[in-house]
Amino acid sequence: MRSRITLRRSCLTAVAAAAMLGLAAPGAGATSFSRIQGYDEPSTPSQYDKVGILKVGPKSAPNVLLLAPGTSAGASNFLPLSRDIVARTKRSNKTGSWQVWSIERRENLLEDQTRLNQYKSGDISSQDVFDYYLGWLSNGAINPHFTPLQDSTVPFARDWGMKVAVEDIHAVVRTARHAGERVVLGGHSLGGSIATAYATWDFSGTAGAKDLKGLVLIDGASRFGEPPTAQEAQASLDALDASPPFLDLLGLGFPWIAGAFNAVGSNEAREDPHSESIFQDWVLAPADLKPPVNADNEAQYGYALDTETGPANLALVQVHGGRLADSGDPRGWNDADELTPIQRVAAAFAGSGLEGLDGTSWYHPKRLSIDSGAVNNGVANDAQQVLDVDATHGGAVRMPIYAFGAALGDGRVLDSARNLAEQSGVPKRDLTLINRHGRYAHIDPLTAYPRNAFVKNLIPFLTETRAGIGKTHKK
């Protein structure tokens, strides 16, 4: 186990590194987390009808940027970005002061964060946390250990689709508006589709857009023009009924393991960066995640997530993060002046400094991804009736819209934003479209530092949302 002296030294080093990497941005304000009552989904036990809110920034700030995470992602995914935004808007006289709130969806209540909490507080070692979540799979002598959920215990998760996600966000938006805040809603990846669904959702005859002052789409948006047919939607539901409720991102037969890989890897990269990687010597470690040389925890994590070395099936979590160092045993990591310092992305996925949270979703509901296909930029279609998707106010999103396309969204995100703006009569001067698909990997908009084209264009956009539709300066 790491000694208390080592821990104190590590903390001092971490504080210095955090300042250099913008992880503790001056003026970022307080960080807090809480859960509130969410949507009362009929089949779900009441303890899971909760939605979490990760808040960064001064409580007195009258503006809230509310962010929805994407596929297999959690609220702390936005933590470094949130601190950057709060600090930069605080320094600007034009934007006014902002809070950034991030959604922690209900499925993350299913996760076992016990040993990660102990590891973050320095109470157990890197070997201990690795063994609890992963090592037991190859060593039957390890006990106690993480116990995966049995599908039979959570049949209600098959009902956690777009309606649940949107209604949970509605509870958060009402909380913000009750306190007098003005709300801009954004989302990354699948979160972009969820944000569009909210803006176009029919809440008892009123569009969700009525609650909002702007919309931000980060390498994700609603598909439009070719929604599934009613028959295709029903076939998807039938297939879901006959299969596990959660997405198996890595195709290994364990839906939770992608989340555990990332949670353990990111935390070891943060808490114990220069010790020799335990993962790379693990008999069950996928070969395409292991560096070709003996590596430390930080290098192991960087190698797995960097666009140059990480496998294609991890595109959802990739960054331009650097390369293995030229020498050393164990080999370290060189950020190489790339977009994202590897400690930034590790902090985002580890949930650094947060008890009970990491930046992944270990149990992503398949139903949410199925339902996203029927959002269709708020244009009614036959699949919506089958899937209980009420995104029908596609012509009511009359507000400034900002879309940023990276590696996965490419031009499709911008095309979707244009379509939504045209449907709603949004003037071109209130539409901000930035395409960086050839330069930014999927996670880079959230973690790039100090150069970040997404943030650079977001700050003036937030100024425009304060001015109101049709009153902004011409770009």
Protein backbone atom coordinates (compact mmCIF):
# COMPACT_ATOMS: atom_id res chain seq x y z
CA MET A 1 0.00 0.00 0.00
CA ARG A 2 1.17 3.50 -0.71
CA SER A 3 2.51 5.12 2.44
CA ARG A 4 0.99 8.28 3.86
CA ILE A 5 4.29 10.10 3.15
CA THR A 6 4.14 8.98 -0.46
CA LEU A 7 0.53 10.07 -0.63
CA ARG A 8 1.33 13.54 0.67
CA ARG A 9 4.13 13.91 -1.88
CA SER A 10 1.82 12.67 -4.61
CA CYS A 11 -0.78 15.23 -3.59
CA LEU A 12 1.71 18.08 -3.80
CA THR A 13 2.86 16.88 -7.21
CA ALA A 14 -0.76 16.51 -8.35
CA VAL A 15 -1.61 20.04 -7.24
CA ALA A 16 1.29 21.47 -9.25
CA ALA A 17 0.41 19.38 -12.30
CA ALA A 18 -3.26 20.32 -12.02
CA ALA A 19 -2.42 24.00 -12.16
CA MET A 20 -0.29 23.49 -15.27
CA LEU A 21 -2.96 21.43 -17.05
CA GLY A 22 -5.92 23.63 -16.19
CA LEU A 23 -7.44 20.97 -13.93
CA ALA A 24 -7.81 23.51 -11.15
CA ALA A 25 -8.57 26.57 -13.24
CA PRO A 26 -8.33 29.83 -11.27
CA GLY A 27 -11.79 31.25 -10.77
CA ALA A 28 -13.56 27.97 -11.54
CA GLY A 29 -15.55 28.17 -8.33
CA ALA A 30 -16.94 25.38 -6.19
CA THR A 31 -17.66 21.83 -7.35
CA SER A 32 -20.54 19.85 -5.86
CA PHE A 33 -22.65 16.81 -6.63
CA SER A 34 -26.17 15.88 -5.64
CA ARG A 35 -29.07 13.75 -6.82
CA ILE A 36 -32.66 14.90 -7.11
CA GLN A 37 -35.95 13.16 -7.79
CA GLY A 38 -36.22 12.25 -11.45
CA TYR A 39 -38.92 10.78 -13.63
CA ASP A 40 -41.20 8.23 -11.97
CA GLU A 41 -40.71 5.42 -14.48
CA PRO A 42 -43.49 2.87 -13.79
CA SER A 43 -41.39 -0.32 -13.87
CA THR A 44 -38.39 1.08 -11.97
CA PRO A 45 -37.84 0.74 -8.20
CA SER A 46 -38.04 4.18 -6.61
CA GLN A 47 -34.38 4.23 -5.50
CA TYR A 48 -33.35 4.45 -9.16
CA ASP A 49 -35.74 7.26 -10.11
CA LYS A 50 -32.96 9.75 -9.41
CA VAL A 51 -30.85 12.01 -11.61
CA GLY A 52 -27.48 13.39 -10.58
CA ILE A 53 -26.13 16.91 -11.10
CA LEU A 54 -22.43 17.73 -11.04
CA LYS A 55 -22.19 21.50 -10.54
CA VAL A 56 -19.14 23.65 -11.19
CA GLY A 57 -19.09 27.40 -10.63
CA PRO A 58 -20.47 30.05 -8.31
CA LYS A 59 -24.02 29.48 -7.09
CA SER A 60 -24.72 33.14 -7.70
CA ALA A 61 -24.06 32.84 -11.45
CA PRO A 62 -27.37 33.50 -13.28
CA ASN A 63 -26.53 31.37 -16.33
CA VAL A 64 -26.32 27.58 -16.50
CA LEU A 65 -24.79 25.50 -19.27
CA LEU A 66 -26.33 22.05 -18.74
CA LEU A 67 -24.46 19.18 -20.42
CA ALA A 68 -25.66 15.65 -21.22
CA PRO A 69 -22.99 12.93 -21.61
CA GLY A 70 -22.86 10.48 -24.48
CA THR A 71 -22.82 6.72 -24.88
CA SER A 72 -21.27 4.93 -21.89
CA ALA A 73 -20.26 8.27 -20.35
CA GLY A 74 -20.83 9.96 -16.99
CA ALA A 75 -21.01 13.48 -15.61
CA SER A 76 -17.35 13.82 -14.66
CA ASN A 77 -16.49 13.44 -18.34
CA PHE A 78 -17.14 17.20 -18.44
CA LEU A 79 -15.22 18.14 -15.27
CA PRO A 80 -12.02 19.69 -16.74
CA LEU A 81 -14.07 21.39 -19.48
CA SER A 82 -16.56 22.77 -16.97
CA ARG A 83 -13.81 24.38 -14.92
CA ASP A 84 -12.32 25.95 -18.05
CA ILE A 85 -15.68 27.40 -19.10
CA VAL A 86 -16.48 28.81 -15.67
CA ALA A 87 -13.04 30.41 -15.35
CA ARG A 88 -13.11 31.93 -18.84
CA THR A 89 -16.64 33.31 -18.59
CA LYS A 90 -15.84 34.76 -15.17
CA ARG A 91 -13.03 36.77 -16.75
CA SER A 92 -15.29 38.05 -19.55
CA ASN A 93 -17.46 41.12 -19.15
CA LYS A 94 -19.57 40.09 -22.17
CA THR A 95 -20.58 36.55 -21.27
CA GLY A 96 -21.66 37.17 -17.71
CA SER A 97 -20.91 34.54 -15.07
CA TRP A 98 -21.84 30.91 -15.69
CA GLN A 99 -22.26 27.67 -13.86
CA VAL A 100 -21.81 24.37 -15.70
CA TRP A 101 -24.05 21.50 -14.62
CA SER A 102 -23.50 17.97 -15.95
CA ILE A 103 -26.06 15.18 -15.95
CA GLU A 104 -25.33 11.89 -14.18
CA ARG A 105 -27.89 9.48 -15.60
CA ARG A 106 -29.72 7.02 -13.39
CA GLU A 107 -27.96 3.92 -14.76
CA ASN A 108 -24.79 4.97 -12.95
CA LEU A 109 -26.51 4.19 -9.66
CA LEU A 110 -25.96 0.54 -10.61
CA GLU A 111 -22.16 0.85 -10.41
CA ASP A 112 -20.00 -0.39 -7.55
CA GLN A 113 -17.70 2.53 -6.71
CA THR A 114 -16.63 1.29 -3.27
CA ARG A 115 -12.99 0.41 -4.00
CA LEU A 116 -12.51 3.33 -6.37
CA ASN A 117 -13.54 5.64 -3.53
CA GLN A 118 -11.01 3.98 -1.24
CA TYR A 119 -8.32 4.24 -3.89
CA LYS A 120 -8.97 7.93 -4.48
CA SER A 121 -8.65 8.59 -0.76
CA GLY A 122 -5.36 6.63 -0.56
CA ASP A 123 -6.70 3.80 1.60
CA ILE A 124 -5.87 0.91 -0.77
CA SER A 125 -3.12 0.23 -3.30
CA SER A 126 -3.10 0.11 -7.09
CA GLN A 127 -2.89 -3.68 -6.90
CA ASP A 128 -5.89 -3.78 -4.57
CA VAL A 129 -8.13 -1.71 -6.84
CA PHE A 130 -7.02 -3.64 -9.92
CA ASP A 131 -7.64 -7.01 -8.29
CA TYR A 132 -11.09 -6.03 -7.00
CA TYR A 133 -12.45 -4.96 -10.39
CA LEU A 134 -10.40 -6.98 -12.88
CA GLY A 135 -7.83 -9.32 -11.37
CA TRP A 136 -10.45 -11.68 -9.93
CA LEU A 137 -11.44 -12.71 -13.45
CA SER A 138 -8.19 -14.65 -13.78
CA ASN A 139 -7.49 -15.40 -10.12
CA GLY A 140 -10.21 -17.21 -8.24
CA ALA A 141 -8.41 -16.70 -4.94
CA ILE A 142 -9.21 -12.96 -4.93
CA ASN A 143 -12.03 -12.30 -2.52
CA PRO A 144 -13.94 -10.10 -1.96
CA HIS A 145 -14.26 -8.83 -5.50
CA PHE A 146 -16.57 -6.90 -7.77
CA THR A 147 -19.84 -8.72 -8.51
CA PRO A 148 -21.36 -7.86 -11.89
CA LEU A 149 -25.08 -7.23 -12.12
CA GLN A 150 -27.25 -10.11 -13.20
CA ASP A 151 -29.58 -9.09 -16.03
CA SER A 152 -32.47 -10.79 -14.26
CA THR A 153 -32.20 -8.32 -11.36
CA VAL A 154 -32.64 -5.21 -13.53
CA PRO A 155 -35.31 -5.98 -16.17
CA PHE A 156 -36.62 -2.42 -15.73
CA ALA A 157 -33.42 -1.08 -17.38
CA ARG A 158 -34.93 -2.12 -20.73
CA ASP A 159 -37.34 0.79 -20.23
CA TRP A 160 -34.59 3.40 -19.69
CA GLY A 161 -34.92 5.03 -23.07
CA MET A 162 -35.21 8.55 -24.42
CA LYS A 163 -38.37 9.37 -22.48
CA VAL A 164 -36.65 8.58 -19.18
CA ALA A 165 -33.52 10.54 -20.11
CA VAL A 166 -35.49 13.58 -21.27
CA GLU A 167 -37.85 13.59 -18.29
CA ASP A 168 -34.88 13.33 -15.91
CA ILE A 169 -33.27 16.34 -17.63
CA HIS A 170 -36.59 18.16 -17.33
CA ALA A 171 -36.35 17.78 -13.55
CA VAL A 172 -32.88 19.34 -13.63
CA VAL A 173 -33.98 22.20 -15.91
CA ARG A 174 -36.91 22.95 -13.60
CA THR A 175 -34.50 23.05 -10.67
CA ALA A 176 -32.32 25.59 -12.46
CA ARG A 177 -35.20 27.75 -13.62
CA HIS A 178 -36.80 27.70 -10.19
CA ALA A 179 -33.59 29.27 -8.89
CA GLY A 180 -33.86 31.93 -11.60
CA GLU A 181 -31.09 30.68 -13.85
CA ARG A 182 -31.12 30.93 -17.64
CA VAL A 183 -30.36 27.53 -19.20
CA VAL A 184 -28.39 26.58 -22.30
CA LEU A 185 -28.55 22.84 -23.00
CA GLY A 186 -25.74 20.90 -24.63
CA GLY A 187 -24.66 17.34 -25.20
CA HIS A 188 -21.65 15.36 -26.36
CA SER A 189 -21.98 12.38 -28.72
CA LEU A 190 -25.32 10.67 -27.97
CA GLY A 191 -25.87 13.54 -25.55
CA GLY A 192 -26.30 15.77 -28.61
CA SER A 193 -29.24 13.66 -29.73
CA ILE A 194 -30.65 13.75 -26.19
CA ALA A 195 -30.32 17.55 -26.12
CA THR A 196 -32.17 17.81 -29.44
CA ALA A 197 -34.83 15.44 -28.16
CA TYR A 198 -35.33 17.66 -25.11
CA ALA A 199 -35.59 20.87 -27.14
CA THR A 200 -38.19 19.30 -29.46
CA TRP A 201 -40.04 17.23 -26.81
CA ASP A 202 -43.72 17.72 -26.25
CA PHE A 203 -44.28 18.52 -22.57
CA SER A 204 -48.08 18.64 -22.36
CA GLY A 205 -48.33 20.67 -25.57
CA THR A 206 -45.26 22.85 -24.98
CA ALA A 207 -41.84 22.34 -26.58
CA GLY A 208 -38.88 21.80 -24.31
CA ALA A 209 -37.21 24.64 -26.19
CA LYS A 210 -39.34 27.04 -24.16
CA ASP A 211 -37.10 26.27 -21.18
CA LEU A 212 -33.88 27.04 -23.02
CA LYS A 213 -31.81 29.96 -24.30
CA GLY A 214 -29.47 28.00 -26.57
CA LEU A 215 -28.43 24.57 -27.83
CA VAL A 216 -24.88 23.13 -28.01
CA LEU A 217 -24.09 19.97 -30.02
CA ILE A 218 -20.61 18.50 -29.43
CA ASP A 219 -19.70 15.85 -32.02
CA GLY A 220 -23.19 14.43 -31.76
CA ALA A 221 -26.68 15.32 -32.95
CA SER A 222 -29.97 13.80 -33.98
CA ARG A 223 -30.06 11.92 -37.25
CA PHE A 224 -32.75 13.25 -39.53
CA GLY A 225 -34.62 12.38 -42.71
CA GLU A 226 -34.48 8.59 -42.43
CA PRO A 227 -35.99 7.47 -39.11
CA PRO A 228 -36.69 3.77 -38.59
CA THR A 229 -40.06 2.46 -39.67
CA ALA A 230 -42.59 1.33 -37.10
CA GLN A 231 -41.75 -2.27 -38.03
CA GLU A 232 -38.02 -1.68 -37.54
CA ALA A 233 -38.63 0.01 -34.21
CA GLN A 234 -40.75 -2.91 -33.01
CA ALA A 235 -38.11 -5.39 -34.18
CA SER A 236 -35.52 -3.50 -32.11
CA LEU A 237 -37.73 -3.73 -29.03
CA ASP A 238 -38.33 -7.43 -29.59
CA ALA A 239 -34.58 -8.03 -29.90
CA LEU A 240 -33.98 -6.03 -26.71
CA ASP A 241 -36.51 -8.14 -24.81
CA ALA A 242 -34.53 -11.24 -25.76
CA SER A 243 -31.08 -9.85 -24.93
CA PRO A 244 -29.18 -8.16 -22.07
CA PRO A 245 -30.42 -4.62 -21.35
CA PHE A 246 -26.95 -3.04 -21.54
CA LEU A 247 -24.55 -2.20 -24.35
CA ASP A 248 -21.47 -4.45 -24.63
CA LEU A 249 -19.09 -1.83 -25.98
CA LEU A 250 -16.05 -4.11 -26.35
CA GLY A 251 -17.94 -7.22 -27.44
CA LEU A 252 -16.36 -9.33 -24.68
CA GLY A 253 -19.62 -10.55 -23.19
CA PHE A 254 -19.28 -8.31 -20.13
CA PRO A 255 -21.19 -5.01 -20.60
CA TRP A 256 -19.57 -3.52 -17.49
CA ILE A 257 -15.97 -4.23 -18.40
CA ALA A 258 -15.35 -1.22 -20.67
CA GLY A 259 -16.36 1.01 -17.76
CA ALA A 260 -14.17 -0.90 -15.31
CA PHE A 261 -11.18 -0.80 -17.69
CA ASN A 262 -11.50 2.96 -18.02
CA ALA A 263 -12.30 3.69 -14.38
CA VAL A 264 -9.37 1.65 -13.06
CA GLY A 265 -6.95 2.75 -15.80
CA SER A 266 -7.75 6.45 -15.48
CA ASN A 267 -7.56 6.40 -11.69
CA GLU A 268 -4.22 4.59 -11.67
CA ALA A 269 -2.92 7.06 -14.27
CA ARG A 270 -3.99 9.89 -11.97
CA GLU A 271 -3.12 8.51 -8.54
CA ASP A 272 -0.06 6.39 -9.33
CA PRO A 273 1.15 7.53 -12.77
CA HIS A 274 4.79 6.42 -12.72
CA SER A 275 4.51 2.95 -11.21
CA GLU A 276 4.80 -0.06 -13.49
CA SER A 277 1.48 -0.95 -15.12
CA ILE A 278 -0.29 -3.94 -13.61
CA PHE A 279 -2.71 -4.14 -16.52
CA GLN A 280 -0.19 -4.92 -19.24
CA ASP A 281 0.99 -8.10 -17.49
CA TRP A 282 -2.56 -9.31 -16.84
CA VAL A 283 -3.23 -12.55 -18.67
CA LEU A 284 -6.67 -11.36 -19.84
CA ALA A 285 -5.59 -7.92 -21.07
CA PRO A 286 -6.56 -7.47 -24.75
CA ALA A 287 -3.38 -7.45 -26.83
CA ASP A 288 -4.36 -4.28 -28.71
CA LEU A 289 -4.45 -2.32 -25.45
CA LYS A 290 -0.94 -3.28 -24.32
CA PRO A 291 2.15 -1.19 -25.18
CA PRO A 292 5.01 -3.05 -26.89
CA VAL A 293 7.36 -2.13 -24.02
CA ASN A 294 7.21 -2.22 -20.24
CA ALA A 295 5.17 0.88 -19.38
CA ASP A 296 4.01 2.85 -16.36
CA ASN A 297 0.34 3.49 -15.55
CA GLU A 298 0.22 6.82 -17.35
CA ALA A 299 1.82 5.40 -20.49
CA GLN A 300 -0.46 2.36 -20.43
CA TYR A 301 -3.50 4.62 -20.28
CA GLY A 302 -2.23 6.98 -22.96
CA TYR A 303 -1.34 4.12 -25.29
CA ALA A 304 -4.85 2.65 -25.03
CA LEU A 305 -6.66 5.95 -25.69
CA ASP A 306 -4.45 7.77 -28.19
CA THR A 307 -5.63 7.83 -31.81
CA GLU A 308 -2.28 6.53 -33.07
CA THR A 309 -2.11 3.44 -30.88
CA GLY A 310 -5.56 2.70 -29.47
CA PRO A 311 -7.85 0.19 -31.20
CA ALA A 312 -10.60 1.37 -33.54
CA ASN A 313 -13.34 0.01 -31.27
CA LEU A 314 -12.35 2.61 -28.66
CA ALA A 315 -13.02 5.59 -30.93
CA LEU A 316 -15.66 6.78 -28.44
CA VAL A 317 -12.93 7.55 -25.88
CA GLN A 318 -9.97 8.51 -28.04
CA VAL A 319 -7.87 11.67 -27.95
CA HIS A 320 -4.80 13.11 -29.60
CA GLY A 321 -2.76 12.58 -26.47
CA GLY A 322 0.89 12.04 -27.34
CA ARG A 323 3.13 8.96 -27.51
CA LEU A 324 5.30 6.62 -25.49
CA ALA A 325 8.46 8.24 -24.17
CA ASP A 326 11.66 7.44 -26.05
CA SER A 327 13.29 5.71 -23.09
CA GLY A 328 12.80 4.57 -19.53
CA ASP A 329 11.90 1.38 -17.68
CA PRO A 330 9.06 1.41 -17.11
CA ARG A 331 8.46 3.60 -20.15
CA GLY A 332 6.63 6.83 -19.46
CA TRP A 333 4.39 9.03 -21.59
CA ASN A 334 5.18 12.11 -23.66
CA ASP A 335 2.27 14.48 -24.35
CA ALA A 336 4.29 15.64 -27.37
CA ASP A 337 2.43 18.96 -27.58
CA GLU A 338 -0.69 17.15 -28.77
CA LEU A 339 -4.19 18.54 -28.20
CA THR A 340 -5.00 16.70 -24.97
CA PRO A 341 -2.53 16.20 -22.10
CA ILE A 342 -3.12 12.63 -20.98
CA GLN A 343 -3.64 13.74 -17.39
CA ARG A 344 -6.59 15.84 -18.55
CA VAL A 345 -8.42 12.90 -20.08
CA ALA A 346 -7.50 10.70 -17.12
CA ALA A 347 -9.01 13.31 -14.78
CA ALA A 348 -12.20 13.42 -16.86
CA PHE A 349 -12.71 9.66 -16.80
CA ALA A 350 -11.46 9.08 -13.25
CA GLY A 351 -13.77 11.60 -11.64
CA SER A 352 -10.76 12.97 -9.78
CA GLY A 353 -11.68 14.33 -6.38
CA LEU A 354 -15.27 13.08 -6.63
CA GLU A 355 -16.64 10.33 -4.42
CA GLY A 356 -18.87 7.80 -6.15
CA LEU A 357 -18.35 9.15 -9.67
CA ASP A 358 -16.24 8.41 -12.69
CA GLY A 359 -16.55 9.57 -16.28
CA THR A 360 -17.90 6.34 -17.70
CA SER A 361 -21.24 4.57 -17.62
CA TRP A 362 -20.63 0.89 -16.91
CA TYR A 363 -24.20 -0.07 -17.75
CA HIS A 364 -25.38 1.93 -20.75
CA PRO A 365 -29.03 1.09 -21.57
CA LYS A 366 -29.48 -0.21 -25.11
CA ARG A 367 -32.96 1.31 -25.14
CA LEU A 368 -31.55 4.83 -25.02
CA SER A 369 -29.50 4.24 -28.17
CA ILE A 370 -32.44 2.56 -29.92
CA ASP A 371 -34.76 5.48 -29.18
CA SER A 372 -32.28 8.07 -30.43
CA GLY A 373 -32.92 6.95 -34.00
CA ALA A 374 -36.52 8.12 -33.77
CA VAL A 375 -35.79 11.66 -32.57
CA ASN A 376 -35.41 12.77 -36.21
CA ASN A 377 -34.70 16.40 -35.30
CA GLY A 378 -38.15 16.68 -33.79
CA VAL A 379 -40.12 15.66 -36.88
CA ALA A 380 -42.92 13.21 -36.09
CA ASN A 381 -42.57 9.69 -37.52
CA ASP A 382 -44.17 6.28 -37.09
CA ALA A 383 -41.32 4.87 -34.98
CA GLN A 384 -41.97 7.47 -32.29
CA GLN A 385 -45.32 5.94 -31.40
CA VAL A 386 -43.74 2.50 -31.00
CA LEU A 387 -40.85 3.80 -28.89
CA ASP A 388 -42.79 6.42 -26.88
CA VAL A 389 -40.59 9.24 -28.20
CA ASP A 390 -42.42 12.58 -28.07
CA ALA A 391 -39.92 14.71 -29.99
CA THR A 392 -42.40 16.44 -32.29
CA HIS A 393 -41.65 20.20 -32.03
CA GLY A 394 -38.87 20.35 -34.60
CA GLY A 395 -40.04 23.77 -35.74
CA ALA A 396 -39.94 25.35 -32.28
CA VAL A 397 -36.20 25.45 -31.56
CA ARG A 398 -35.85 29.18 -32.18
CA MET A 399 -32.62 29.90 -30.32
CA PRO A 400 -28.88 30.20 -31.00
CA ILE A 401 -27.38 26.83 -31.96
CA TYR A 402 -23.70 25.86 -31.80
CA ALA A 403 -22.49 22.62 -33.43
CA PHE A 404 -18.92 21.32 -33.26
CA GLY A 405 -17.95 18.36 -35.43
CA ALA A 406 -15.01 16.13 -34.48
CA ALA A 407 -13.87 12.68 -35.66
CA LEU A 408 -17.12 10.76 -35.26
CA GLY A 409 -19.67 13.47 -36.02
CA ASP A 410 -17.80 14.92 -39.01
CA GLY A 411 -20.12 16.95 -41.24
CA ARG A 412 -23.22 15.09 -40.07
CA VAL A 413 -23.42 17.09 -36.85
CA LEU A 414 -23.27 20.35 -38.77
CA ASP A 415 -25.84 19.14 -41.29
CA SER A 416 -28.20 18.21 -38.48
CA ALA A 417 -27.77 21.64 -36.85
CA ARG A 418 -28.47 23.36 -40.18
CA ASN A 419 -31.59 21.27 -40.67
CA LEU A 420 -32.86 22.02 -37.17
CA ALA A 421 -32.19 25.74 -37.65
CA GLU A 422 -34.00 25.80 -41.00
CA GLN A 423 -37.03 24.03 -39.53
CA SER A 424 -37.23 26.59 -36.73
CA GLY A 425 -36.37 29.71 -38.70
CA VAL A 426 -33.15 30.41 -36.82
CA PRO A 427 -31.21 33.22 -38.59
CA LYS A 428 -27.84 32.19 -39.99
CA ARG A 429 -26.10 34.66 -37.73
CA ASP A 430 -27.39 32.68 -34.73
CA LEU A 431 -25.95 29.43 -36.05
CA THR A 432 -22.32 28.64 -35.16
CA LEU A 433 -20.88 25.70 -37.14
CA ILE A 434 -17.30 24.49 -36.54
CA ASN A 435 -15.93 21.37 -38.23
CA ARG A 436 -12.66 19.95 -36.90
CA HIS A 437 -13.21 16.29 -37.80
CA GLY A 438 -9.73 15.93 -39.27
CA ARG A 439 -7.99 17.36 -36.21
CA TYR A 440 -10.09 16.49 -33.16
CA ALA A 441 -10.81 12.98 -31.90
CA HIS A 442 -14.15 12.34 -30.23
CA ILE A 443 -13.05 13.31 -26.69
CA ASP A 444 -10.66 16.13 -27.64
CA PRO A 445 -13.36 18.88 -27.53
CA LEU A 446 -13.86 18.05 -23.85
CA THR A 447 -10.21 17.75 -22.84
CA ALA A 448 -7.94 19.70 -25.22
CA TYR A 449 -5.77 22.26 -23.40
CA PRO A 450 -4.58 24.96 -23.59
CA ARG A 451 -5.63 25.19 -27.25
CA ASN A 452 -9.25 24.16 -27.68
CA ALA A 453 -11.24 25.23 -30.73
CA PHE A 454 -14.51 24.09 -29.15
CA VAL A 455 -14.05 26.31 -26.09
CA LYS A 456 -12.68 29.18 -28.17
CA ASN A 457 -15.94 29.34 -30.13
CA LEU A 458 -18.19 28.46 -27.20
CA ILE A 459 -17.35 31.58 -25.19
CA PRO A 460 -18.65 34.09 -27.79
CA PHE A 461 -21.63 31.79 -28.41
CA LEU A 462 -22.61 32.03 -24.75
CA THR A 463 -22.50 35.80 -25.12
CA GLU A 464 -24.98 35.48 -27.99
CA THR A 465 -27.39 33.42 -25.92
CA ARG A 466 -27.57 36.30 -23.47
CA ALA A 467 -28.37 38.72 -26.28
CA GLY A 468 -31.23 36.59 -27.58
CA ILE A 469 -32.28 35.31 -30.98
CA GLY A 470 -31.83 37.74 -33.85
CA LYS A 471 -29.93 40.24 -31.70
CA THR A 472 -26.40 38.91 -31.99
CA HIS A 473 -23.54 40.35 -33.95
CA LYS A 474 -22.97 39.02 -37.43
CA LYS A 475 -20.10 36.54 -37.68
